[in-house]
Structure formats: C-alpha cells, structure tokens
Protein backbone atom coordinates (compact mmCIF):
# COMPACT_ATOMS: atom_id res chain seq x y z
CA MET A 1 20.51 40.45 -22.19
CA SER A 2 21.18 43.54 -20.07
CA ASN A 3 20.43 43.68 -16.37
CA PHE A 4 17.72 46.25 -17.13
CA ASN A 5 16.00 43.93 -19.61
CA ARG A 6 16.23 41.02 -17.21
CA LEU A 7 14.62 43.23 -14.52
CA VAL A 8 11.73 44.18 -16.81
CA VAL A 9 11.12 40.55 -17.77
CA SER A 10 11.21 39.51 -14.11
CA VAL A 11 8.68 42.19 -13.17
CA LEU A 12 6.36 41.12 -16.01
CA VAL A 13 6.58 37.46 -15.00
CA ALA A 14 5.93 38.32 -11.36
CA SER A 15 2.93 40.43 -12.38
CA PHE A 16 1.55 37.57 -14.48
CA MET A 17 1.97 35.13 -11.60
CA CYS A 18 0.15 37.45 -9.16
CA THR A 19 -2.74 37.90 -11.60
CA THR A 20 -3.01 34.16 -12.11
CA GLU A 21 -2.96 33.50 -8.37
CA ALA A 22 -5.60 36.19 -7.72
CA ALA A 23 -7.90 34.63 -10.33
CA ALA A 24 -7.31 31.15 -8.89
CA ALA A 25 -8.40 32.39 -5.45
CA THR A 26 -11.99 32.82 -6.64
CA TYR A 27 -14.03 29.61 -6.67
CA ASN A 28 -17.26 29.87 -8.68
CA VAL A 29 -19.77 27.20 -7.63
CA ILE A 30 -20.98 26.87 -11.23
CA THR A 31 -17.47 25.76 -12.20
CA PHE A 32 -17.90 22.89 -9.73
CA GLY A 33 -21.20 21.82 -11.31
CA ALA A 34 -23.89 23.85 -9.53
CA LYS A 35 -26.97 24.71 -11.60
CA PRO A 36 -28.69 28.07 -10.95
CA ASP A 37 -32.25 26.80 -11.52
CA ALA A 38 -33.08 25.20 -8.11
CA THR A 39 -33.91 21.87 -9.79
CA MET A 40 -30.57 20.08 -9.33
CA ASP A 41 -29.02 19.44 -5.92
CA ALA A 42 -26.07 21.83 -5.61
CA THR A 43 -24.87 20.55 -2.23
CA GLN A 44 -21.83 18.64 -3.53
CA PRO A 45 -20.65 21.43 -5.89
CA PHE A 46 -20.83 23.87 -2.98
CA LEU A 47 -18.84 21.46 -0.79
CA HIS A 48 -16.19 20.98 -3.49
CA ALA A 49 -15.84 24.76 -3.83
CA TRP A 50 -15.54 25.01 -0.06
CA VAL A 51 -12.79 22.39 0.19
CA SER A 52 -10.80 24.14 -2.53
CA ALA A 53 -11.11 27.52 -0.84
CA CYS A 54 -10.51 26.16 2.66
CA THR A 55 -7.29 24.36 1.72
CA SER A 56 -5.87 27.24 -0.32
CA VAL A 57 -2.85 28.99 1.19
CA GLN A 58 -4.08 32.42 0.13
CA GLN A 59 -7.19 34.46 0.80
CA SER A 60 -10.07 32.92 -1.11
CA LYS A 61 -13.54 33.82 -2.31
CA ILE A 62 -16.40 31.45 -3.00
CA TYR A 63 -18.66 33.07 -5.56
CA VAL A 64 -22.35 32.24 -6.00
CA PRO A 65 -23.68 33.98 -9.16
CA LYS A 66 -27.27 35.09 -9.66
CA GLY A 67 -29.78 32.27 -9.75
CA ARG A 68 -31.45 29.82 -7.36
CA TYR A 69 -29.38 26.97 -5.91
CA LEU A 70 -30.94 23.97 -4.17
CA LEU A 71 -29.03 23.09 -1.00
CA LYS A 72 -29.83 20.20 1.29
CA GLU A 73 -28.49 20.01 4.82
CA VAL A 74 -24.78 20.84 4.54
CA VAL A 75 -21.80 21.31 6.87
CA PHE A 76 -18.85 23.51 5.89
CA ARG A 77 -16.02 22.35 8.12
CA GLY A 78 -12.80 24.01 9.16
CA PRO A 79 -10.26 24.87 10.26
CA CYS A 80 -9.17 26.55 7.03
CA ARG A 81 -5.72 27.77 6.04
CA ASN A 82 -6.77 31.28 5.09
CA GLN A 83 -9.41 33.97 5.22
CA ILE A 84 -12.55 33.15 3.21
CA LYS A 85 -15.22 35.41 1.75
CA VAL A 86 -18.49 33.92 0.54
CA GLN A 87 -20.07 36.27 -1.99
CA ILE A 88 -23.70 35.36 -2.69
CA ASP A 89 -25.39 37.18 -5.54
CA GLY A 90 -28.07 34.52 -5.88
CA THR A 91 -30.55 32.68 -3.65
CA LEU A 92 -29.89 29.53 -1.62
CA VAL A 93 -33.05 27.39 -1.57
CA ALA A 94 -33.92 24.68 0.97
CA PRO A 95 -35.73 21.48 -0.08
CA SER A 96 -39.49 21.91 -0.47
CA GLU A 97 -40.03 18.96 1.89
CA TYR A 98 -39.18 20.48 5.27
CA ARG A 99 -38.70 17.04 6.85
CA ASP A 100 -35.55 16.65 4.74
CA ILE A 101 -33.76 19.04 7.08
CA GLY A 102 -36.19 19.30 9.99
CA ASN A 103 -34.65 16.47 12.01
CA SER A 104 -31.02 17.57 11.72
CA GLY A 105 -31.25 20.78 13.75
CA TYR A 106 -29.67 22.87 11.01
CA TRP A 107 -29.77 23.65 7.31
CA ILE A 108 -26.44 25.36 6.58
CA LEU A 109 -23.76 24.97 9.25
CA PHE A 110 -20.25 26.42 9.47
CA ILE A 111 -18.12 24.71 12.13
CA HIS A 112 -14.56 25.35 13.37
CA VAL A 113 -14.17 28.22 10.90
CA ASN A 114 -12.45 31.53 11.70
CA ARG A 115 -12.01 34.63 9.55
CA ILE A 116 -15.03 34.12 7.32
CA SER A 117 -17.36 36.76 5.89
CA ILE A 118 -20.68 36.06 4.16
CA VAL A 119 -21.78 38.92 1.93
CA SER A 120 -25.21 39.67 0.46
CA GLY A 121 -27.51 37.00 -0.94
CA THR A 122 -30.91 35.55 -0.04
CA LEU A 123 -31.81 32.43 1.95
CA ASP A 124 -35.13 30.85 1.00
CA ALA A 125 -36.04 28.24 3.62
CA ASN A 126 -39.00 27.09 1.50
CA GLY A 127 -41.33 27.12 4.46
CA ALA A 128 -44.64 26.87 2.60
CA GLY A 129 -44.88 23.15 3.31
CA PHE A 130 -44.20 23.66 7.01
CA TRP A 131 -46.85 26.35 7.35
CA ALA A 132 -49.37 24.22 5.47
CA CYS A 133 -48.73 21.53 8.06
CA ARG A 134 -48.98 24.08 10.84
CA LYS A 135 -52.36 25.36 9.67
CA SER A 136 -53.69 21.84 9.24
CA GLY A 137 -53.46 21.31 12.99
CA LYS A 138 -51.29 18.21 12.69
CA ASN A 139 -48.33 17.45 14.94
CA CYS A 140 -45.68 19.77 13.48
CA PRO A 141 -42.11 20.34 14.73
CA VAL A 142 -41.71 22.73 17.68
CA GLY A 143 -38.80 24.11 19.66
CA ALA A 144 -36.82 26.23 17.20
CA ARG A 145 -33.45 27.40 18.58
CA VAL A 146 -31.80 30.70 17.62
CA ARG A 147 -28.33 31.36 19.03
CA ASN A 148 -25.15 33.35 18.42
CA LEU A 149 -26.90 35.63 15.93
CA ARG A 150 -25.88 39.19 15.04
CA ILE A 151 -28.55 41.34 13.37
CA VAL A 152 -27.89 44.91 12.23
CA ALA A 153 -30.28 47.31 10.48
CA PRO A 154 -30.06 51.12 10.12
CA TYR A 155 -31.30 52.89 13.26
CA LEU A 156 -33.96 54.89 11.39
CA SER A 157 -35.16 52.07 9.12
CA PRO A 158 -38.89 51.40 9.68
CA ASN A 159 -40.45 48.01 10.39
CA THR A 160 -37.13 46.19 10.76
CA ASP A 161 -37.87 43.85 13.67
CA GLY A 162 -34.76 41.78 14.34
CA ILE A 163 -36.60 38.56 15.23
CA HIS A 164 -40.37 38.02 15.16
CA VAL A 165 -41.91 35.06 16.98
CA GLN A 166 -45.57 34.24 16.37
CA SER A 167 -47.81 31.16 16.54
CA SER A 168 -44.82 29.23 17.91
CA THR A 169 -44.13 26.99 20.90
CA GLY A 170 -40.87 26.30 22.73
CA VAL A 171 -38.66 28.79 20.88
CA THR A 172 -35.34 29.75 22.52
CA ILE A 173 -33.27 32.81 21.54
CA THR A 174 -29.86 33.04 23.21
CA SER A 175 -26.50 34.83 23.02
CA SER A 176 -27.52 37.22 20.25
CA SER A 177 -26.86 40.89 19.44
CA ILE A 178 -29.64 42.86 17.74
CA LYS A 179 -29.43 46.45 16.50
CA THR A 180 -32.44 47.64 14.48
CA GLY A 181 -34.79 50.50 13.72
CA ASP A 182 -37.72 48.62 15.27
CA ASP A 183 -38.22 45.90 17.89
CA CYS A 184 -35.14 43.84 18.69
CA ILE A 185 -37.49 40.93 19.31
CA SER A 186 -41.23 41.14 18.68
CA ILE A 187 -43.59 38.55 20.09
CA GLY A 188 -46.89 38.06 18.32
CA PRO A 189 -50.14 36.19 18.99
CA GLY A 190 -50.02 32.46 19.59
CA THR A 191 -46.55 32.43 21.19
CA ARG A 192 -46.04 30.04 24.11
CA ASN A 193 -43.04 29.01 26.20
CA LEU A 194 -40.55 31.50 24.72
CA TRP A 195 -37.13 31.69 26.41
CA MET A 196 -34.75 34.60 25.72
CA GLU A 197 -31.32 34.79 27.37
CA LYS A 198 -28.13 36.85 26.96
CA ILE A 199 -29.67 39.29 24.47
CA GLN A 200 -27.85 42.53 23.59
CA CYS A 201 -30.57 44.92 22.38
CA GLY A 202 -30.08 48.43 21.04
CA PRO A 203 -30.55 50.61 19.28
CA GLY A 204 -34.13 49.60 18.62
CA HIS A 205 -37.53 49.52 20.29
CA GLY A 206 -36.71 46.88 22.87
CA VAL A 207 -38.34 43.48 23.38
CA SER A 208 -42.02 43.79 22.59
CA ILE A 209 -45.04 41.60 23.24
CA GLY A 210 -47.63 42.69 20.71
CA SER A 211 -49.32 44.43 19.43
CA LEU A 212 -52.10 42.13 20.62
CA GLY A 213 -55.85 42.35 20.18
CA ARG A 214 -55.96 43.70 16.65
CA ASP A 215 -58.05 40.72 15.54
CA PHE A 216 -61.02 39.67 17.65
CA ASN A 217 -60.25 35.94 17.75
CA GLU A 218 -56.45 35.94 17.78
CA ALA A 219 -54.53 33.62 20.11
CA GLY A 220 -52.91 34.86 23.31
CA VAL A 221 -49.30 34.91 24.55
CA GLU A 222 -48.11 32.96 27.58
CA ASN A 223 -44.97 31.96 29.49
CA VAL A 224 -42.43 34.40 28.03
CA SER A 225 -39.07 34.72 29.84
CA LEU A 226 -36.16 37.14 29.34
CA THR A 227 -33.02 36.92 31.49
CA HIS A 228 -29.39 38.09 31.65
CA SER A 229 -29.91 40.66 28.90
CA VAL A 230 -28.78 44.25 28.28
CA PHE A 231 -30.64 47.15 26.63
CA SER A 232 -28.44 49.98 25.35
CA GLY A 233 -29.69 52.96 23.34
CA SER A 234 -33.15 51.47 22.84
CA ASN A 235 -36.37 53.49 22.89
CA ASN A 236 -38.02 50.97 25.18
CA GLY A 237 -36.92 48.09 27.33
CA LEU A 238 -39.64 45.54 28.03
CA TRP A 239 -42.78 46.49 26.16
CA VAL A 240 -46.30 45.04 26.19
CA LYS A 241 -48.70 46.68 23.73
CA THR A 242 -52.34 45.94 22.98
CA TRP A 243 -54.80 47.61 20.64
CA ALA A 244 -57.43 49.71 22.43
CA ARG A 245 -60.29 52.06 21.68
CA PRO A 246 -60.09 55.00 22.03
CA SER A 247 -56.39 55.83 22.02
CA ASN A 248 -54.39 58.93 22.62
CA GLY A 249 -51.37 57.35 20.96
CA PHE A 250 -47.92 57.29 22.43
CA LYS A 251 -44.31 57.87 21.76
CA VAL A 252 -42.23 56.77 24.73
CA ASP A 253 -38.71 56.12 25.90
CA ASN A 254 -39.68 53.98 28.88
CA PRO A 255 -37.70 51.02 30.24
CA ILE A 256 -40.89 49.33 31.53
CA ILE A 257 -44.28 49.86 29.92
CA ILE A 258 -47.66 48.20 29.61
CA ASP A 259 -49.89 50.14 27.22
CA GLN A 260 -53.50 49.09 26.70
CA ASN A 261 -54.23 52.22 24.69
CA TYR A 262 -52.08 51.19 21.75
CA CYS A 263 -52.98 52.47 18.28
CA LEU A 264 -50.48 52.49 15.41
CA ASP A 265 -49.85 56.03 14.12
CA ASN A 266 -53.16 57.14 15.70
CA GLN A 267 -54.97 56.11 12.52
CA GLY A 268 -58.15 54.05 12.36
CA CYS A 269 -58.23 53.62 16.13
CA PRO A 270 -61.16 51.49 17.37
CA SER A 271 -63.62 52.78 19.96
CA GLN A 272 -64.11 49.75 22.22
CA GLY A 273 -62.03 48.82 25.23
CA SER A 274 -59.23 46.29 24.84
CA GLY A 275 -60.34 42.66 24.94
CA ILE A 276 -56.89 41.52 26.07
CA LYS A 277 -56.42 40.63 29.73
CA ILE A 278 -52.90 41.28 31.06
CA SER A 279 -52.13 39.43 34.30
CA SER A 280 -49.42 37.53 36.17
CA VAL A 281 -46.53 39.63 34.81
CA SER A 282 -43.31 39.83 36.87
CA TYR A 283 -40.50 42.39 36.54
CA GLU A 284 -37.53 41.28 38.65
CA ASN A 285 -33.90 42.37 39.11
CA ILE A 286 -34.00 45.20 36.56
CA GLN A 287 -31.54 48.09 36.69
CA GLY A 288 -30.51 50.82 34.30
CA THR A 289 -31.34 54.37 33.19
CA SER A 290 -34.30 56.02 31.50
CA ALA A 291 -34.00 58.61 28.73
CA THR A 292 -37.32 60.15 29.77
CA GLU A 293 -38.78 61.31 33.05
CA MET A 294 -41.41 58.55 33.01
CA ALA A 295 -39.42 55.38 33.69
CA MET A 296 -42.32 53.01 34.42
CA VAL A 297 -45.74 53.24 32.78
CA PHE A 298 -48.67 50.92 33.45
CA ASP A 299 -51.54 52.34 31.42
CA CYS A 300 -54.39 49.86 31.66
CA ILE A 301 -58.11 50.27 31.01
CA PRO A 302 -60.95 50.19 33.56
CA THR A 303 -63.01 47.60 31.67
CA ASN A 304 -60.16 45.07 31.66
CA PRO A 305 -57.56 46.20 34.21
CA CYS A 306 -54.09 44.73 34.64
CA THR A 307 -53.87 42.37 37.63
CA ASP A 308 -51.23 40.44 39.56
CA ILE A 309 -48.34 42.64 38.37
CA THR A 310 -45.20 42.03 40.45
CA LEU A 311 -42.23 44.38 40.85
CA ARG A 312 -39.14 43.17 42.70
CA ASP A 313 -35.77 44.93 43.00
CA ILE A 314 -36.19 47.59 40.30
CA LYS A 315 -33.52 50.30 40.14
CA ILE A 316 -33.99 52.76 37.27
CA SER A 317 -32.37 56.19 37.39
CA SER A 318 -32.50 59.07 34.93
CA VAL A 319 -29.75 59.79 32.42
CA ASN A 320 -30.23 63.43 33.46
CA SER A 321 -28.92 63.87 36.99
CA ARG A 322 -31.23 66.88 37.47
CA THR A 323 -34.35 64.85 36.74
CA LYS A 324 -35.94 62.35 39.09
CA PRO A 325 -37.59 59.44 37.26
CA LYS A 326 -41.27 58.80 37.85
CA SER A 327 -43.75 55.98 37.53
CA TYR A 328 -47.37 56.05 36.36
CA CYS A 329 -50.11 53.56 37.16
CA LYS A 330 -53.69 53.43 35.94
CA ASN A 331 -56.15 50.59 36.49
CA ILE A 332 -53.50 48.17 37.72
CA GLY A 333 -53.21 45.85 40.69
CA GLY A 334 -50.20 44.00 42.02
CA LYS A 335 -47.44 43.89 44.60
CA THR A 336 -43.85 44.99 45.14
CA SER A 337 -40.87 43.75 47.12
CA GLY A 338 -37.28 44.83 47.62
CA VAL A 339 -35.99 48.18 46.41
CA ILE A 340 -38.21 49.94 43.84
CA LEU A 341 -36.83 53.03 42.08
CA PRO A 342 -38.50 55.18 40.92
CA ASP A 343 -41.06 55.18 43.72
CA ASN A 344 -43.65 52.67 42.61
CA CYS A 345 -47.27 53.54 42.06
CA LEU A 346 -48.82 50.11 42.68
C-alpha cells in the first residue's frame, strides 16, 4: 500500500473515532431507564447518566428529551473530570407529596461542580399540595431560603419580576443577582419577616413592596429588611406602592419612593382614599445617584398619612452634574438624623 493510501485510511479511521467519541459524550437519560411520563421515579436513571458524564474525560452532555420526568430529592456530586452541559427539553417534576422533599432543604442539588451549564427546560415543583395545606390554615412549612441565584430577563420584557414573595413567613433571599424588565424582587400581601441581603439589582424596577390595597381584605406586609445591596441601572431603588383613588399615575426613576396614589396604567382607578397605613419605615445608610431630578418622593394621602418615617445618612446625588436632586413630601411625618442629601422635606 502506498504512503498516500495509508494516509487516507488513517484519516478515515481518525474521523470515525472522533465521530464515535462525540456520540458517546451525549448521555440520554432514557437510555439509562428514565420514563417520560412522570409516573416512574427517574431519580436513579438521572444519577447514572450523571456519573457517566462526570467521569468522562471529554466534554459531556446529559440530554433530557421532551416529556415529564419524576425526580425525588437528588444530589449531583462533583468534582467532575470535564465540562458538562445539561440540555433539558422536557419537564422535571417533583413528587406530588411535598413532604417527600420538604424536610431535606433542597430538591435538586449540584455540589462541588465546576464548568456546568443547564440549558432550557421546565421545573415543576408540584406545589398544589403545599398550597392546599397553606389555605387550610394548618401548620405548614415556613422559612424558604433563596441564595446564590442569577436571574436574567430582557430589559424591556413586561411583568418579569425576578422573585415574588407573597403570603410567606421567614423567607431569606441572599447573594443573588437579578436583571429583569420588572421588579427585581416584588413583595406582595401577607409577607412577614422577609430578609434580603447582598442583592445585585438592575436593570429592573428595584425592590418593590406592593402593590398593596387592591383587595379590600388583603393581608398586610411587616418586618421587611434589605441590607448590603446594590442597585445599578434600575428605574427605582426601594419602592412602596399602594392602590389609591383617585390617581394621577406615575412613571418615576426615583431611588426612594412611597406612592399612595398608585394605579396601574391609569386604568380603572378607584375613587376612594387608600386603606393602607404606611408607618415605621426606616431608610438608613443609602448612597448612590438618581437618574431624575426627584430623588426622594413621599406621596401620601391626607386621609391615611404616612407616619414614623425615618431617614438616616442618605446621600443621593444626580447623574447630571448640572442638576441638583430634590425631595418631595406630602402628608408624611417622621424624623431625620445624620447627613441627608438631597435636602429632606420631612
């Protein structure tokens, strides 16, 4: 055989080997026994696919085809020998009995894993049973923890709140980055003892309490804390909004705002005064810049004014060096201490 022929054969063999290796780098969970009908526990097939991908010496992909896959509490452990991509075209479904995973502190956990990407897919936590328990008034689990989360949505996408907390007690949200077209974190009625720390927010509409008061008998919000957080490129910073009648509407870029004349899109605005009482709110150690001239707005109503509002060490300048930021107060009572910029109106 000539050298040329030997070269051609060698190239063909090498090409065949590369193709075979590339195909072997994809691990389909169905091949490991998973059933896409959410009736059979797929936890072990998923773990077997993970072990194969994690121990492979080449880049690997775990593939989850279309369908619904029942997963109980599961831990995918590293370290792995290569980069792993998890491609989910289907839906991962939690057990219908929430107590099956409620005591473990997690559902799906990746630990000691670097260079992993999780693409597409849907997670169905099967929360109907939990909410049925919640509405029954029985002693349901409290104290959900959200940490090390990165949420990204297009800047102009409507109604894309990063995290929404409502009718919940003892929730903590820490060390998370949120970039959305709506509120980074929205806090709805019935929220108590919420702790937020080390939040990177923006773009988005800031951290928002409300809107409150849309329904006559809805629960209130109490003991909400936010600390060691940064707002960058957000329309608002810390935002409290309540439905009111009448309303002139608003569109603001204010770092600090309480608005008791809230009315979504100025449509169907009620005519009564707000039934929500805003009191005992503290703004402390806040510094940054405002994209608008009005850096602080406290727009409360005479029939239910804002009381016991505290400002301490507030330093907000304008992004435009030629513009001096301002503050606006209406029907508000409170106190200030330390340096307050812009000049406070309390």
